[in-house]
C-alpha atoms as a PDB file:
ATOM      1  CA  UNK A   1     -59.051 213.444 201.037  1.00  0.00           C
ATOM      2  CA  UNK A   2     -61.233 210.297 201.391  1.00  0.00           C
ATOM      3  CA  UNK A   3     -59.417 207.069 200.554  1.00  0.00           C
ATOM      4  CA  UNK A   4     -61.985 206.035 197.936  1.00  0.00           C
ATOM      5  CA  UNK A   5     -61.544 209.312 196.066  1.00  0.00           C
ATOM      6  CA  UNK A   6     -57.764 208.953 196.109  1.00  0.00           C
ATOM      7  CA  UNK A   7     -57.970 205.355 194.889  1.00  0.00           C
ATOM      8  CA  UNK A   8     -60.419 206.069 192.055  1.00  0.00           C
ATOM      9  CA  UNK A   9     -58.580 209.179 190.869  1.00  0.00           C
ATOM     10  CA  UNK A  10     -55.192 207.440 190.907  1.00  0.00           C
ATOM     11  CA  UNK A  11     -56.570 204.327 189.222  1.00  0.00           C
ATOM     12  CA  UNK A  12     -58.246 206.298 186.421  1.00  0.00           C
ATOM     13  CA  UNK A  13     -55.123 208.329 185.738  1.00  0.00           C
ATOM     14  CA  UNK A  14     -52.911 205.236 185.798  1.00  0.00           C
ATOM     15  CA  UNK A  15     -55.161 203.422 183.354  1.00  0.00           C
ATOM     16  CA  UNK A  16     -55.217 206.327 180.909  1.00  0.00           C
ATOM     17  CA  UNK A  17     -51.455 206.808 181.071  1.00  0.00           C
ATOM     18  CA  UNK A  18     -50.811 203.095 180.607  1.00  0.00           C
ATOM     19  CA  UNK A  19     -52.979 202.963 177.485  1.00  0.00           C
ATOM     20  CA  UNK A  20     -51.373 206.122 176.107  1.00  0.00           C
ATOM     21  CA  UNK A  21     -47.879 204.613 176.392  1.00  0.00           C
ATOM     22  CA  UNK A  22     -48.736 201.369 174.615  1.00  0.00           C
ATOM     23  CA  UNK A  23     -47.769 202.140 171.014  1.00  0.00           C
ATOM     24  CA  UNK A  24     -44.200 203.432 171.549  1.00  0.00           C
ATOM     25  CA  UNK A  25     -42.438 200.155 170.844  1.00  0.00           C
ATOM     26  CA  UNK A  26     -44.732 199.240 167.946  1.00  0.00           C
ATOM     27  CA  UNK A  27     -44.354 202.628 166.241  1.00  0.00           C
ATOM     28  CA  UNK A  28     -40.686 203.367 166.919  1.00  0.00           C
ATOM     29  CA  UNK A  29     -39.144 199.913 167.002  1.00  0.00           C
ATOM     30  CA  UNK A  30     -37.810 197.781 169.795  1.00  0.00           C
ATOM     31  CA  UNK A  31     -34.752 199.827 170.735  1.00  0.00           C
ATOM     32  CA  UNK A  32     -35.774 203.506 170.870  1.00  0.00           C
ATOM     33  CA  UNK A  33     -39.411 202.642 171.498  1.00  0.00           C
ATOM     34  CA  UNK A  34     -38.362 200.395 174.348  1.00  0.00           C
ATOM     35  CA  UNK A  35     -36.730 203.355 176.097  1.00  0.00           C
ATOM     36  CA  UNK A  36     -39.557 205.807 175.458  1.00  0.00           C
ATOM     37  CA  UNK A  37     -42.174 203.307 176.608  1.00  0.00           C
ATOM     38  CA  UNK A  38     -40.503 203.186 180.024  1.00  0.00           C
ATOM     39  CA  UNK A  39     -40.480 206.888 180.858  1.00  0.00           C
ATOM     40  CA  UNK A  40     -42.251 207.455 184.195  1.00  0.00           C
ATOM     41  CA  UNK A  41     -45.965 206.961 183.579  1.00  0.00           C
ATOM     42  CA  UNK A  42     -48.107 204.969 185.993  1.00  0.00           C
ATOM     43  CA  UNK A  43     -45.665 205.824 188.786  1.00  0.00           C
ATOM     44  CA  UNK A  44     -47.029 209.391 188.534  1.00  0.00           C
ATOM     45  CA  UNK A  45     -50.443 208.231 189.655  1.00  0.00           C
ATOM     46  CA  UNK A  46     -48.959 205.839 192.188  1.00  0.00           C
ATOM     47  CA  UNK A  47     -46.749 208.486 193.776  1.00  0.00           C
ATOM     48  CA  UNK A  48     -49.570 211.022 193.964  1.00  0.00           C
ATOM     49  CA  UNK A  49     -51.984 208.471 195.384  1.00  0.00           C
ATOM     50  CA  UNK A  50     -49.536 207.029 197.903  1.00  0.00           C
ATOM     51  CA  UNK A  51     -48.545 210.520 199.043  1.00  0.00           C
ATOM     52  CA  UNK A  52     -52.189 211.455 199.596  1.00  0.00           C
ATOM     53  CA  UNK A  53     -52.905 208.215 201.452  1.00  0.00           C
ATOM     54  CA  UNK A  54     -49.666 207.737 203.418  1.00  0.00           C
ATOM     55  CA  UNK A  55     -50.102 208.425 207.139  1.00  0.00           C
ATOM     56  CA  UNK A  56     -46.702 210.144 207.437  1.00  0.00           C
ATOM     57  CA  UNK A  57     -44.004 211.649 205.245  1.00  0.00           C
ATOM     58  CA  UNK A  58     -41.640 208.871 206.361  1.00  0.00           C
ATOM     59  CA  UNK A  59     -44.138 206.252 205.198  1.00  0.00           C
ATOM     60  CA  UNK A  60     -44.301 207.914 201.774  1.00  0.00           C
ATOM     61  CA  UNK A  61     -40.515 208.021 201.516  1.00  0.00           C
ATOM     62  CA  UNK A  62     -40.312 204.361 202.519  1.00  0.00           C
ATOM     63  CA  UNK A  63     -42.745 203.472 199.743  1.00  0.00           C
ATOM     64  CA  UNK A  64     -40.728 205.433 197.200  1.00  0.00           C
ATOM     65  CA  UNK A  65     -37.486 203.869 198.423  1.00  0.00           C
ATOM     66  CA  UNK A  66     -38.900 200.414 197.625  1.00  0.00           C
ATOM     67  CA  UNK A  67     -39.517 201.379 194.006  1.00  0.00           C
ATOM     68  CA  UNK A  68     -35.888 200.880 192.834  1.00  0.00           C
ATOM     69  CA  UNK A  69     -35.939 197.333 194.233  1.00  0.00           C
ATOM     70  CA  UNK A  70     -39.153 196.691 192.336  1.00  0.00           C
ATOM     71  CA  UNK A  71     -37.726 198.165 189.141  1.00  0.00           C
ATOM     72  CA  UNK A  72     -34.609 195.996 189.426  1.00  0.00           C
ATOM     73  CA  UNK A  73     -36.967 193.033 189.680  1.00  0.00           C
ATOM     74  CA  UNK A  74     -38.752 194.377 186.595  1.00  0.00           C
ATOM     75  CA  UNK A  75     -35.425 194.504 184.750  1.00  0.00           C
ATOM     76  CA  UNK A  76     -34.786 190.870 185.637  1.00  0.00           C
ATOM     77  CA  UNK A  77     -38.391 190.107 184.651  1.00  0.00           C
ATOM     78  CA  UNK A  78     -37.675 191.561 181.210  1.00  0.00           C
ATOM     79  CA  UNK A  79     -34.372 189.734 180.924  1.00  0.00           C
ATOM     80  CA  UNK A  80     -36.225 186.446 181.318  1.00  0.00           C
ATOM     81  CA  UNK A  81     -38.175 187.319 178.165  1.00  0.00           C
ATOM     82  CA  UNK A  82     -34.890 187.296 176.258  1.00  0.00           C
ATOM     83  CA  UNK A  83     -33.202 184.351 177.954  1.00  0.00           C
ATOM     84  CA  UNK A  84     -36.024 181.827 178.379  1.00  0.00           C
ATOM     85  CA  UNK A  85     -37.997 181.673 175.063  1.00  0.00           C
ATOM     86  CA  UNK A  86     -35.262 179.811 173.106  1.00  0.00           C
ATOM     87  CA  UNK A  87     -35.382 177.073 175.753  1.00  0.00           C
ATOM     88  CA  UNK A  88     -39.166 176.648 175.894  1.00  0.00           C
ATOM     89  CA  UNK A  89     -40.689 173.439 174.523  1.00  0.00           C
ATOM     90  CA  UNK A  90     -41.564 173.518 170.825  1.00  0.00           C
ATOM     91  CA  UNK A  91     -45.284 174.010 171.320  1.00  0.00           C
ATOM     92  CA  UNK A  92     -47.782 176.365 169.727  1.00  0.00           C
ATOM     93  CA  UNK A  93     -47.421 180.133 170.005  1.00  0.00           C
ATOM     94  CA  UNK A  94     -50.168 180.415 172.620  1.00  0.00           C
ATOM     95  CA  UNK A  95     -48.838 177.594 174.778  1.00  0.00           C
ATOM     96  CA  UNK A  96     -45.311 179.039 174.778  1.00  0.00           C
ATOM     97  CA  UNK A  97     -46.698 182.455 175.676  1.00  0.00           C
ATOM     98  CA  UNK A  98     -48.641 181.041 178.631  1.00  0.00           C
ATOM     99  CA  UNK A  99     -45.536 179.251 179.891  1.00  0.00           C
ATOM    100  CA  UNK A 100     -43.411 182.373 179.521  1.00  0.00           C
ATOM    101  CA  UNK A 101     -45.964 184.591 181.255  1.00  0.00           C
ATOM    102  CA  UNK A 102     -46.414 182.168 184.150  1.00  0.00           C
ATOM    103  CA  UNK A 103     -42.682 181.734 184.664  1.00  0.00           C
ATOM    104  CA  UNK A 104     -41.845 185.443 184.517  1.00  0.00           C
ATOM    105  CA  UNK A 105     -44.672 186.545 186.814  1.00  0.00           C
ATOM    106  CA  UNK A 106     -43.908 183.766 189.275  1.00  0.00           C
ATOM    107  CA  UNK A 107     -40.272 184.861 189.411  1.00  0.00           C
ATOM    108  CA  UNK A 108     -41.307 188.494 189.945  1.00  0.00           C
ATOM    109  CA  UNK A 109     -43.711 187.669 192.786  1.00  0.00           C
ATOM    110  CA  UNK A 110     -41.090 185.504 194.499  1.00  0.00           C
ATOM    111  CA  UNK A 111     -38.560 188.309 194.202  1.00  0.00           C
ATOM    112  CA  UNK A 112     -41.047 190.882 195.517  1.00  0.00           C
ATOM    113  CA  UNK A 113     -41.725 188.721 198.566  1.00  0.00           C
ATOM    114  CA  UNK A 114     -37.974 188.519 199.169  1.00  0.00           C
ATOM    115  CA  UNK A 115     -37.523 192.293 198.865  1.00  0.00           C
ATOM    116  CA  UNK A 116     -40.303 193.063 201.356  1.00  0.00           C
ATOM    117  CA  UNK A 117     -38.930 190.420 203.748  1.00  0.00           C
ATOM    118  CA  UNK A 118     -35.380 191.786 203.611  1.00  0.00           C
ATOM    119  CA  UNK A 119     -36.250 195.488 203.768  1.00  0.00           C
ATOM    120  CA  UNK A 120     -39.054 195.055 206.294  1.00  0.00           C
ATOM    121  CA  UNK A 121     -36.827 195.092 209.407  1.00  0.00           C
ATOM    122  CA  UNK A 122     -35.092 198.258 208.198  1.00  0.00           C
ATOM    123  CA  UNK A 123     -38.467 199.918 207.711  1.00  0.00           C
ATOM    124  CA  UNK A 124     -39.654 198.672 211.096  1.00  0.00           C
ATOM    125  CA  UNK A 125     -36.620 200.298 212.689  1.00  0.00           C
ATOM    126  CA  UNK A 126     -37.658 203.607 211.125  1.00  0.00           C
ATOM    127  CA  UNK A 127     -34.397 203.899 209.193  1.00  0.00           C
ATOM    128  CA  UNK A 128     -35.773 205.670 206.121  1.00  0.00           C
ATOM    129  CA  UNK A 129     -32.363 207.099 205.230  1.00  0.00           C
ATOM    130  CA  UNK A 130     -30.893 203.609 204.826  1.00  0.00           C
ATOM    131  CA  UNK A 131     -33.836 202.577 202.650  1.00  0.00           C
ATOM    132  CA  UNK A 132     -33.218 205.551 200.370  1.00  0.00           C
ATOM    133  CA  UNK A 133     -29.496 204.793 200.104  1.00  0.00           C
ATOM    134  CA  UNK A 134     -30.285 201.168 199.288  1.00  0.00           C
ATOM    135  CA  UNK A 135     -32.713 202.396 196.648  1.00  0.00           C
ATOM    136  CA  UNK A 136     -30.003 204.570 195.116  1.00  0.00           C
ATOM    137  CA  UNK A 137     -27.578 201.642 195.018  1.00  0.00           C
ATOM    138  CA  UNK A 138     -30.144 199.395 193.359  1.00  0.00           C
ATOM    139  CA  UNK A 139     -30.857 202.105 190.781  1.00  0.00           C
ATOM    140  CA  UNK A 140     -27.181 202.271 189.860  1.00  0.00           C
ATOM    141  CA  UNK A 141     -27.090 198.458 189.599  1.00  0.00           C
ATOM    142  CA  UNK A 142     -30.131 198.488 187.313  1.00  0.00           C
ATOM    143  CA  UNK A 143     -28.541 201.155 185.097  1.00  0.00           C
ATOM    144  CA  UNK A 144     -25.358 199.091 184.709  1.00  0.00           C
ATOM    145  CA  UNK A 145     -27.401 195.996 183.877  1.00  0.00           C
ATOM    146  CA  UNK A 146     -29.424 197.971 181.332  1.00  0.00           C
ATOM    147  CA  UNK A 147     -26.266 199.343 179.680  1.00  0.00           C
ATOM    148  CA  UNK A 148     -24.902 195.833 179.275  1.00  0.00           C
ATOM    149  CA  UNK A 149     -28.074 194.199 177.977  1.00  0.00           C
ATOM    150  CA  UNK A 150     -28.942 196.990 175.534  1.00  0.00           C
ATOM    151  CA  UNK A 151     -25.678 196.530 173.666  1.00  0.00           C
ATOM    152  CA  UNK A 152     -24.998 193.907 171.042  1.00  0.00           C
ATOM    153  CA  UNK A 153     -28.640 193.263 170.101  1.00  0.00           C
ATOM    154  CA  UNK A 154     -29.626 193.789 166.498  1.00  0.00           C
ATOM    155  CA  UNK A 155     -32.134 196.644 166.115  1.00  0.00           C
ATOM    156  CA  UNK A 156     -35.627 195.376 165.499  1.00  0.00           C
ATOM    157  CA  UNK A 157     -38.012 196.823 162.986  1.00  0.00           C
ATOM    158  CA  UNK A 158     -40.974 198.863 164.066  1.00  0.00           C
ATOM    159  CA  UNK A 159     -44.214 196.955 164.186  1.00  0.00           C
ATOM    160  CA  UNK A 160     -46.698 198.096 161.569  1.00  0.00           C
ATOM    161  CA  UNK A 161     -49.777 196.447 163.029  1.00  0.00           C
ATOM    162  CA  UNK A 162     -51.761 198.232 165.749  1.00  0.00           C
ATOM    163  CA  UNK A 163     -52.030 196.860 169.257  1.00  0.00           C
ATOM    164  CA  UNK A 164     -55.245 194.840 169.692  1.00  0.00           C
ATOM    165  CA  UNK A 165     -58.027 196.592 171.566  1.00  0.00           C
ATOM    166  CA  UNK A 166     -58.084 193.792 174.141  1.00  0.00           C
ATOM    167  CA  UNK A 167     -54.438 194.437 175.002  1.00  0.00           C
ATOM    168  CA  UNK A 168     -55.102 198.160 175.410  1.00  0.00           C
ATOM    169  CA  UNK A 169     -58.001 197.470 177.759  1.00  0.00           C
ATOM    170  CA  UNK A 170     -55.990 194.914 179.716  1.00  0.00           C
ATOM    171  CA  UNK A 171     -53.054 197.290 180.122  1.00  0.00           C
ATOM    172  CA  UNK A 172     -55.228 200.108 181.417  1.00  0.00           C
ATOM    173  CA  UNK A 173     -57.205 197.814 183.710  1.00  0.00           C
ATOM    174  CA  UNK A 174     -54.203 196.098 185.266  1.00  0.00           C
ATOM    175  CA  UNK A 175     -52.358 199.391 185.718  1.00  0.00           C
ATOM    176  CA  UNK A 176     -55.385 200.817 187.511  1.00  0.00           C
ATOM    177  CA  UNK A 177     -55.612 197.753 189.769  1.00  0.00           C
ATOM    178  CA  UNK A 178     -51.898 197.838 190.638  1.00  0.00           C
ATOM    179  CA  UNK A 179     -51.995 201.528 191.562  1.00  0.00           C
ATOM    180  CA  UNK A 180     -55.216 201.055 193.560  1.00  0.00           C
ATOM    181  CA  UNK A 181     -53.595 198.287 195.590  1.00  0.00           C
ATOM    182  CA  UNK A 182     -50.533 200.477 196.196  1.00  0.00           C
ATOM    183  CA  UNK A 183     -52.663 203.371 197.467  1.00  0.00           C
ATOM    184  CA  UNK A 184     -54.730 201.143 199.772  1.00  0.00           C
ATOM    185  CA  UNK A 185     -51.652 199.436 201.204  1.00  0.00           C
ATOM    186  CA  UNK A 186     -50.053 202.809 201.838  1.00  0.00           C
ATOM    187  CA  UNK A 187     -53.063 203.932 203.897  1.00  0.00           C
ATOM    188  CA  UNK A 188     -53.109 200.628 205.797  1.00  0.00           C
ATOM    189  CA  UNK A 189     -49.496 201.051 206.887  1.00  0.00           C
ATOM    190  CA  UNK A 190     -47.610 198.846 204.438  1.00  0.00           C
ATOM    191  CA  UNK A 191     -45.340 201.303 202.589  1.00  0.00           C
ATOM    192  CA  UNK A 192     -42.855 198.721 201.322  1.00  0.00           C
ATOM    193  CA  UNK A 193     -45.617 196.554 199.880  1.00  0.00           C
ATOM    194  CA  UNK A 194     -47.187 199.707 198.457  1.00  0.00           C
ATOM    195  CA  UNK A 195     -43.944 200.585 196.742  1.00  0.00           C
ATOM    196  CA  UNK A 196     -43.691 197.131 195.217  1.00  0.00           C
ATOM    197  CA  UNK A 197     -47.317 197.155 194.065  1.00  0.00           C
ATOM    198  CA  UNK A 198     -46.816 200.534 192.401  1.00  0.00           C
ATOM    199  CA  UNK A 199     -44.219 199.018 190.055  1.00  0.00           C
ATOM    200  CA  UNK A 200     -45.979 195.730 189.290  1.00  0.00           C
ATOM    201  CA  UNK A 201     -44.758 194.956 185.738  1.00  0.00           C
ATOM    202  CA  UNK A 202     -48.070 195.542 183.976  1.00  0.00           C
ATOM    203  CA  UNK A 203     -46.545 197.809 181.312  1.00  0.00           C
ATOM    204  CA  UNK A 204     -43.751 195.354 180.589  1.00  0.00           C
ATOM    205  CA  UNK A 205     -45.999 192.300 180.603  1.00  0.00           C
ATOM    206  CA  UNK A 206     -48.593 193.718 178.235  1.00  0.00           C
ATOM    207  CA  UNK A 207     -45.843 195.075 175.972  1.00  0.00           C
ATOM    208  CA  UNK A 208     -44.105 191.693 175.792  1.00  0.00           C
ATOM    209  CA  UNK A 209     -47.378 189.852 175.223  1.00  0.00           C
ATOM    210  CA  UNK A 210     -48.627 192.229 172.540  1.00  0.00           C
ATOM    211  CA  UNK A 211     -45.307 192.154 170.677  1.00  0.00           C
ATOM    212  CA  UNK A 212     -45.112 188.374 170.957  1.00  0.00           C
ATOM    213  CA  UNK A 213     -48.610 187.945 169.518  1.00  0.00           C
ATOM    214  CA  UNK A 214     -48.391 190.545 166.759  1.00  0.00           C
ATOM    215  CA  UNK A 215     -44.737 190.339 165.694  1.00  0.00           C
ATOM    216  CA  UNK A 216     -43.304 187.114 167.058  1.00  0.00           C
ATOM    217  CA  UNK A 217     -40.250 186.951 169.300  1.00  0.00           C
ATOM    218  CA  UNK A 218     -37.886 189.197 167.318  1.00  0.00           C
ATOM    219  CA  UNK A 219     -39.276 192.634 168.234  1.00  0.00           C
ATOM    220  CA  UNK A 220     -39.920 191.835 171.889  1.00  0.00           C
ATOM    221  CA  UNK A 221     -36.405 190.368 172.271  1.00  0.00           C
ATOM    222  CA  UNK A 222     -34.869 193.486 170.735  1.00  0.00           C
ATOM    223  CA  UNK A 223     -36.882 195.694 173.075  1.00  0.00           C
ATOM    224  CA  UNK A 224     -35.780 193.952 176.280  1.00  0.00           C
ATOM    225  CA  UNK A 225     -32.392 195.640 176.791  1.00  0.00           C
ATOM    226  CA  UNK A 226     -33.581 199.195 176.039  1.00  0.00           C
ATOM    227  CA  UNK A 227     -36.636 198.689 178.263  1.00  0.00           C
ATOM    228  CA  UNK A 228     -34.404 197.442 181.082  1.00  0.00           C
ATOM    229  CA  UNK A 229     -32.258 200.563 180.747  1.00  0.00           C
ATOM    230  CA  UNK A 230     -35.138 202.986 180.260  1.00  0.00           C
ATOM    231  CA  UNK A 231     -37.080 201.588 183.218  1.00  0.00           C
ATOM    232  CA  UNK A 232     -34.481 202.950 185.620  1.00  0.00           C
ATOM    233  CA  UNK A 233     -36.078 206.346 184.988  1.00  0.00           C
ATOM    234  CA  UNK A 234     -38.953 205.149 187.177  1.00  0.00           C
ATOM    235  CA  UNK A 235     -36.504 204.519 190.019  1.00  0.00           C
ATOM    236  CA  UNK A 236     -35.015 207.968 189.512  1.00  0.00           C
ATOM    237  CA  UNK A 237     -38.508 209.471 189.587  1.00  0.00           C
ATOM    238  CA  UNK A 238     -39.305 207.712 192.871  1.00  0.00           C
ATOM    239  CA  UNK A 239     -36.105 208.828 194.592  1.00  0.00           C
ATOM    240  CA  UNK A 240     -36.622 212.433 193.491  1.00  0.00           C
ATOM    241  CA  UNK A 241     -40.314 212.301 194.396  1.00  0.00           C
ATOM    242  CA  UNK A 242     -39.481 211.135 197.913  1.00  0.00           C
ATOM    243  CA  UNK A 243     -38.245 214.663 198.556  1.00  0.00           C
ATOM    244  CA  UNK A 244     -39.966 216.722 195.842  1.00  0.00           C
ATOM    245  CA  UNK A 245     -43.577 215.927 196.764  1.00  0.00           C
ATOM    246  CA  UNK A 246     -43.202 216.837 200.454  1.00  0.00           C
ATOM    247  CA  UNK A 247     -41.325 219.986 199.437  1.00  0.00           C
ATOM    248  CA  UNK A 248     -43.450 221.225 196.517  1.00  0.00           C
ATOM    249  CA  UNK A 249     -46.784 219.423 196.791  1.00  0.00           C
ATOM    250  CA  UNK A 250     -48.259 216.759 194.543  1.00  0.00           C
ATOM    251  CA  UNK A 251     -48.560 218.597 191.210  1.00  0.00           C
ATOM    252  CA  UNK A 252     -45.295 220.530 191.145  1.00  0.00           C
ATOM    253  CA  UNK A 253     -43.470 217.706 192.903  1.00  0.00           C
ATOM    254  CA  UNK A 254     -44.539 215.224 190.216  1.00  0.00           C
ATOM    255  CA  UNK A 255     -43.539 217.661 187.472  1.00  0.00           C
ATOM    256  CA  UNK A 256     -40.090 218.198 189.012  1.00  0.00           C
ATOM    257  CA  UNK A 257     -39.616 214.462 189.526  1.00  0.00           C
ATOM    258  CA  UNK A 258     -40.717 213.559 186.001  1.00  0.00           C
ATOM    259  CA  UNK A 259     -38.478 216.067 184.265  1.00  0.00           C
ATOM    260  CA  UNK A 260     -35.592 215.141 186.551  1.00  0.00           C
ATOM    261  CA  UNK A 261     -35.965 211.442 185.716  1.00  0.00           C
ATOM    262  CA  UNK A 262     -36.304 212.075 181.975  1.00  0.00           C
ATOM    263  CA  UNK A 263     -33.293 214.393 181.858  1.00  0.00           C
ATOM    264  CA  UNK A 264     -31.102 212.179 184.042  1.00  0.00           C
ATOM    265  CA  UNK A 265     -32.068 208.784 182.625  1.00  0.00           C
ATOM    266  CA  UNK A 266     -34.529 208.623 179.723  1.00  0.00           C
ATOM    267  CA  UNK A 267     -32.773 210.999 177.317  1.00  0.00           C
ATOM    268  CA  UNK A 268     -29.257 209.615 177.973  1.00  0.00           C
ATOM    269  CA  UNK A 269     -30.657 206.081 177.634  1.00  0.00           C
ATOM    270  CA  UNK A 270     -32.251 206.913 174.274  1.00  0.00           C
ATOM    271  CA  UNK A 271     -28.954 208.395 173.089  1.00  0.00           C
ATOM    272  CA  UNK A 272     -27.119 205.274 174.254  1.00  0.00           C
ATOM    273  CA  UNK A 273     -29.309 202.830 172.341  1.00  0.00           C
ATOM    274  CA  UNK A 274     -29.271 205.021 169.228  1.00  0.00           C
ATOM    275  CA  UNK A 275     -25.471 205.010 169.408  1.00  0.00           C
ATOM    276  CA  UNK A 276     -25.602 201.241 169.783  1.00  0.00           C
ATOM    277  CA  UNK A 277     -27.381 200.918 166.442  1.00  0.00           C
END
């Protein structure tokens, strides 16, 4: 399939899925909504696009193996949104939001550079099995971190006001761009970078920003722990997809991976945070 077709198809799907997932936290509250908002979504388009564009099966598996590292970074990205705001200067709402966004994205990009630098030699050696085992270990670490941070936080009320249209557009646009970059990098021979690009924290960033602007800091702070826990479903999806897509093809492989991730992570995570209430 031509690269441009793969990129456009994946980008369109990612944008639509990202917009469709926007209202979970606002409608269901920070805790349960935070879990449901992190079920595998844009990773579906990323996995399908990377698989279609990857030059080899090993390159696709390497890209998927980088996803858990990216999702652990995303969990730490979210954690900053709980830890840092109380220590920001007492400025206006917009100024504090700009500072928080700049700090969190800067930390994520620095971490992503470190992940690609560390895992690069393993990928260069062609040791895909080690990359997958590392990905599994990082997924377990992210789950433990999510279990800890989703406990002991007061449940936040659901947000009655709708998400602004500008936020919806931004979420869809940025998700499409992130997936497009992942697909292009996969075709150009950079599977680790492709894996990191596929999990760029666009969903988390737009969720945090929209909640901050519409509801203040209470709802977004309450959503952080459940989103950290629920986001590990994306890592589970990637690890399953590394084998399911080559075995079953894109459509069935994505279906198997999605249901596997939801059953193994998303549903238990939702039960955990409900129990925590």
